[in-house]
Amino acid sequence: MLVSPETIAPSQNFLKEKTVKFILACLREEDFDDLPPTPLVRKDGNGKLVAIDGHNLIAVRLFRKEDVEVLVAESPEDGLPPTTEANILRNQELATKYDTVLDERRKVEAEGIITFADLIAQHQSLFAETSTA
């Protein structure tokens, strides 16, 4: 499902520098096949999307003002096709985090990270796009 990153709430308070820089480079070089797998999200009790996995890609898409493709999980067994190692790892993350992600969301929210824009604001230096000659 293609959605605006603004409609997704983060469930962690960090981004990974190497991953953000890698995603930005892939997008800049139009190397879409090397992007991380589709982010996994679930709905909370109010129907709002909460990120389970894929925070870095969601943040980069928001930074670039682009929609992001997500997989909406309705149970811990939902997931991506197990065709690649990356997808298998994502599915393990989903199984592990599905039931706890809403509690994690509340903790992050208590820290003042309500949206992905808040998460980006805390990690602005990661989004300083520099040219690679």
C-alpha atoms as a PDB file:
ATOM      1  CA  MET A   1       0.000   0.000   0.000  1.00  0.00           C
ATOM      2  CA  LEU A   2       1.398   3.413  -0.968  1.00  0.00           C
ATOM      3  CA  VAL A   3       0.976   6.005   1.797  1.00  0.00           C
ATOM      4  CA  SER A   4       2.346   9.338   2.905  1.00  0.00           C
ATOM      5  CA  PRO A   5       5.043   8.871   5.552  1.00  0.00           C
ATOM      6  CA  GLU A   6       3.218  11.587   7.503  1.00  0.00           C
ATOM      7  CA  THR A   7       0.480   9.031   8.226  1.00  0.00           C
ATOM      8  CA  ILE A   8       2.871   6.604   9.945  1.00  0.00           C
ATOM      9  CA  ALA A   9       3.972   6.874  13.586  1.00  0.00           C
ATOM     10  CA  PRO A  10       7.489   5.744  14.551  1.00  0.00           C
ATOM     11  CA  SER A  11       8.049   3.132  17.248  1.00  0.00           C
ATOM     12  CA  GLN A  12      11.753   3.798  17.792  1.00  0.00           C
ATOM     13  CA  ASN A  13      13.750   6.884  18.687  1.00  0.00           C
ATOM     14  CA  PHE A  14      16.777   6.295  16.470  1.00  0.00           C
ATOM     15  CA  LEU A  15      17.854   6.028  12.860  1.00  0.00           C
ATOM     16  CA  LYS A  16      20.948   4.247  11.573  1.00  0.00           C
ATOM     17  CA  GLU A  17      23.451   6.582   9.935  1.00  0.00           C
ATOM     18  CA  LYS A  18      24.881   4.026   7.493  1.00  0.00           C
ATOM     19  CA  THR A  19      21.410   2.898   6.447  1.00  0.00           C
ATOM     20  CA  VAL A  20      20.087   6.428   5.905  1.00  0.00           C
ATOM     21  CA  LYS A  21      23.161   7.379   3.849  1.00  0.00           C
ATOM     22  CA  PHE A  22      22.862   4.143   1.842  1.00  0.00           C
ATOM     23  CA  ILE A  23      19.171   4.767   1.075  1.00  0.00           C
ATOM     24  CA  LEU A  24      19.880   8.363   0.041  1.00  0.00           C
ATOM     25  CA  ALA A  25      22.667   7.152  -2.269  1.00  0.00           C
ATOM     26  CA  CYS A  26      20.427   4.474  -3.813  1.00  0.00           C
ATOM     27  CA  LEU A  27      17.715   7.022  -4.525  1.00  0.00           C
ATOM     28  CA  ARG A  28      20.166   9.602  -5.847  1.00  0.00           C
ATOM     29  CA  GLU A  29      21.701   6.999  -8.192  1.00  0.00           C
ATOM     30  CA  GLU A  30      18.281   5.493  -9.057  1.00  0.00           C
ATOM     31  CA  ASP A  31      19.492   2.117  -7.809  1.00  0.00           C
ATOM     32  CA  PHE A  32      16.047   1.074  -6.591  1.00  0.00           C
ATOM     33  CA  ASP A  33      16.793  -2.669  -6.526  1.00  0.00           C
ATOM     34  CA  ASP A  34      19.252  -2.178  -3.658  1.00  0.00           C
ATOM     35  CA  LEU A  35      16.803  -0.333  -1.413  1.00  0.00           C
ATOM     36  CA  PRO A  36      15.823  -2.070   1.828  1.00  0.00           C
ATOM     37  CA  PRO A  37      12.647  -4.178   1.711  1.00  0.00           C
ATOM     38  CA  THR A  38       9.198  -2.709   2.080  1.00  0.00           C
ATOM     39  CA  PRO A  39       8.617  -1.290   5.576  1.00  0.00           C
ATOM     40  CA  LEU A  40       6.252  -3.191   7.834  1.00  0.00           C
ATOM     41  CA  VAL A  41       3.504  -1.366   9.709  1.00  0.00           C
ATOM     42  CA  ARG A  42       0.440  -2.245  11.740  1.00  0.00           C
ATOM     43  CA  LYS A  43      -2.618  -0.340  12.846  1.00  0.00           C
ATOM     44  CA  ASP A  44      -3.133   0.764  16.432  1.00  0.00           C
ATOM     45  CA  GLY A  45      -6.493   0.736  18.214  1.00  0.00           C
ATOM     46  CA  ASN A  46      -7.478   3.956  16.417  1.00  0.00           C
ATOM     47  CA  GLY A  47      -6.524   2.684  12.971  1.00  0.00           C
ATOM     48  CA  LYS A  48      -3.330   4.778  12.797  1.00  0.00           C
ATOM     49  CA  LEU A  49      -0.323   3.166  11.130  1.00  0.00           C
ATOM     50  CA  VAL A  50       2.639   2.409  13.396  1.00  0.00           C
ATOM     51  CA  ALA A  51       6.020   1.381  11.945  1.00  0.00           C
ATOM     52  CA  ILE A  52       7.276  -2.028  12.985  1.00  0.00           C
ATOM     53  CA  ASP A  53      10.345  -2.098  10.768  1.00  0.00           C
ATOM     54  CA  GLY A  54      11.714   0.116   8.009  1.00  0.00           C
ATOM     55  CA  HIS A  55      12.046   3.359   9.962  1.00  0.00           C
ATOM     56  CA  ASN A  56      15.065   4.514   7.954  1.00  0.00           C
ATOM     57  CA  LEU A  57      13.332   4.152   4.587  1.00  0.00           C
ATOM     58  CA  ILE A  58      10.166   5.820   5.871  1.00  0.00           C
ATOM     59  CA  ALA A  59      12.214   8.736   7.231  1.00  0.00           C
ATOM     60  CA  VAL A  60      14.114   9.177   3.971  1.00  0.00           C
ATOM     61  CA  ARG A  61      10.894   9.126   1.945  1.00  0.00           C
ATOM     62  CA  LEU A  62       9.403  11.778   4.226  1.00  0.00           C
ATOM     63  CA  PHE A  63      12.572  13.874   3.954  1.00  0.00           C
ATOM     64  CA  ARG A  64      12.293  13.669   0.156  1.00  0.00           C
ATOM     65  CA  LYS A  65       8.541  14.414   0.308  1.00  0.00           C
ATOM     66  CA  GLU A  66       7.722  11.085  -1.358  1.00  0.00           C
ATOM     67  CA  ASP A  67       5.100   8.479  -0.586  1.00  0.00           C
ATOM     68  CA  VAL A  68       6.328   5.135   0.715  1.00  0.00           C
ATOM     69  CA  GLU A  69       5.192   1.606  -0.040  1.00  0.00           C
ATOM     70  CA  VAL A  70       4.352  -0.306   3.162  1.00  0.00           C
ATOM     71  CA  LEU A  71       3.047  -3.717   4.072  1.00  0.00           C
ATOM     72  CA  VAL A  72       0.237  -3.501   6.614  1.00  0.00           C
ATOM     73  CA  ALA A  73       0.507  -6.522   8.917  1.00  0.00           C
ATOM     74  CA  GLU A  74      -2.642  -7.740  10.587  1.00  0.00           C
ATOM     75  CA  SER A  75      -0.911 -10.470  12.586  1.00  0.00           C
ATOM     76  CA  PRO A  76       2.615 -11.591  13.540  1.00  0.00           C
ATOM     77  CA  GLU A  77       2.458 -14.134  10.725  1.00  0.00           C
ATOM     78  CA  ASP A  78       1.940 -11.572   7.958  1.00  0.00           C
ATOM     79  CA  GLY A  79       5.051 -10.612   6.090  1.00  0.00           C
ATOM     80  CA  LEU A  80       6.955 -10.288   2.883  1.00  0.00           C
ATOM     81  CA  PRO A  81       7.509 -13.224   0.534  1.00  0.00           C
ATOM     82  CA  PRO A  82      10.487 -15.172   1.966  1.00  0.00           C
ATOM     83  CA  THR A  83      12.375 -14.888  -1.327  1.00  0.00           C
ATOM     84  CA  THR A  84      15.431 -13.035  -0.015  1.00  0.00           C
ATOM     85  CA  GLU A  85      17.487 -12.994   3.155  1.00  0.00           C
ATOM     86  CA  ALA A  86      16.384  -9.396   3.756  1.00  0.00           C
ATOM     87  CA  ASN A  87      12.720 -10.388   3.557  1.00  0.00           C
ATOM     88  CA  ILE A  88      13.261 -13.331   5.898  1.00  0.00           C
ATOM     89  CA  LEU A  89      14.893 -10.995   8.417  1.00  0.00           C
ATOM     90  CA  ARG A  90      12.015  -8.497   8.074  1.00  0.00           C
ATOM     91  CA  ASN A  91       9.520 -11.276   8.743  1.00  0.00           C
ATOM     92  CA  GLN A  92      11.446 -12.277  11.875  1.00  0.00           C
ATOM     93  CA  GLU A  93      11.324  -8.639  13.022  1.00  0.00           C
ATOM     94  CA  LEU A  94       7.584  -8.605  12.418  1.00  0.00           C
ATOM     95  CA  ALA A  95       7.016 -11.789  14.395  1.00  0.00           C
ATOM     96  CA  THR A  96       9.128 -10.452  17.256  1.00  0.00           C
ATOM     97  CA  LYS A  97       7.790  -6.896  17.357  1.00  0.00           C
ATOM     98  CA  TYR A  98       4.140  -7.178  16.296  1.00  0.00           C
ATOM     99  CA  ASP A  99       2.763  -7.509  19.821  1.00  0.00           C
ATOM    100  CA  THR A 100       5.210  -5.086  21.485  1.00  0.00           C
ATOM    101  CA  VAL A 101       5.383  -2.289  18.912  1.00  0.00           C
ATOM    102  CA  LEU A 102       2.384  -0.422  20.324  1.00  0.00           C
ATOM    103  CA  ASP A 103       4.031  -0.277  23.760  1.00  0.00           C
ATOM    104  CA  GLU A 104       7.249   0.914  22.112  1.00  0.00           C
ATOM    105  CA  ARG A 105       5.232   3.550  20.259  1.00  0.00           C
ATOM    106  CA  ARG A 106       3.893   4.897  23.557  1.00  0.00           C
ATOM    107  CA  LYS A 107       7.438   5.090  25.003  1.00  0.00           C
ATOM    108  CA  VAL A 108       8.737   6.976  21.968  1.00  0.00           C
ATOM    109  CA  GLU A 109       5.740   9.301  22.064  1.00  0.00           C
ATOM    110  CA  ALA A 110       6.485  10.051  25.736  1.00  0.00           C
ATOM    111  CA  GLU A 111       9.968  11.152  24.594  1.00  0.00           C
ATOM    112  CA  GLY A 112       8.357  13.698  22.266  1.00  0.00           C
ATOM    113  CA  ILE A 113       8.741  11.736  19.044  1.00  0.00           C
ATOM    114  CA  ILE A 114       5.199  11.823  17.700  1.00  0.00           C
ATOM    115  CA  THR A 115       5.896  11.778  13.963  1.00  0.00           C
ATOM    116  CA  PHE A 116       8.664  10.848  11.572  1.00  0.00           C
ATOM    117  CA  ALA A 117       9.279  14.590  11.170  1.00  0.00           C
ATOM    118  CA  ASP A 118      10.179  14.628  14.880  1.00  0.00           C
ATOM    119  CA  LEU A 119      12.523  11.691  14.357  1.00  0.00           C
ATOM    120  CA  ILE A 120      14.193  13.439  11.407  1.00  0.00           C
ATOM    121  CA  ALA A 121      14.545  16.635  13.457  1.00  0.00           C
ATOM    122  CA  GLN A 122      16.472  14.707  16.106  1.00  0.00           C
ATOM    123  CA  HIS A 123      18.810  13.309  13.446  1.00  0.00           C
ATOM    124  CA  GLN A 124      19.178  16.239  11.039  1.00  0.00           C
ATOM    125  CA  SER A 125      22.850  15.596  10.385  1.00  0.00           C
ATOM    126  CA  LEU A 126      21.984  12.276   8.715  1.00  0.00           C
ATOM    127  CA  PHE A 127      20.005  14.093   6.055  1.00  0.00           C
ATOM    128  CA  ALA A 128      22.676  16.549   4.976  1.00  0.00           C
ATOM    129  CA  GLU A 129      22.922  15.285   1.413  1.00  0.00           C
ATOM    130  CA  THR A 130      26.455  15.685   0.176  1.00  0.00           C
ATOM    131  CA  SER A 131      27.576  15.157  -3.364  1.00  0.00           C
ATOM    132  CA  THR A 132      29.784  12.177  -4.060  1.00  0.00           C
ATOM    133  CA  ALA A 133      32.153  12.987  -6.879  1.00  0.00           C
END
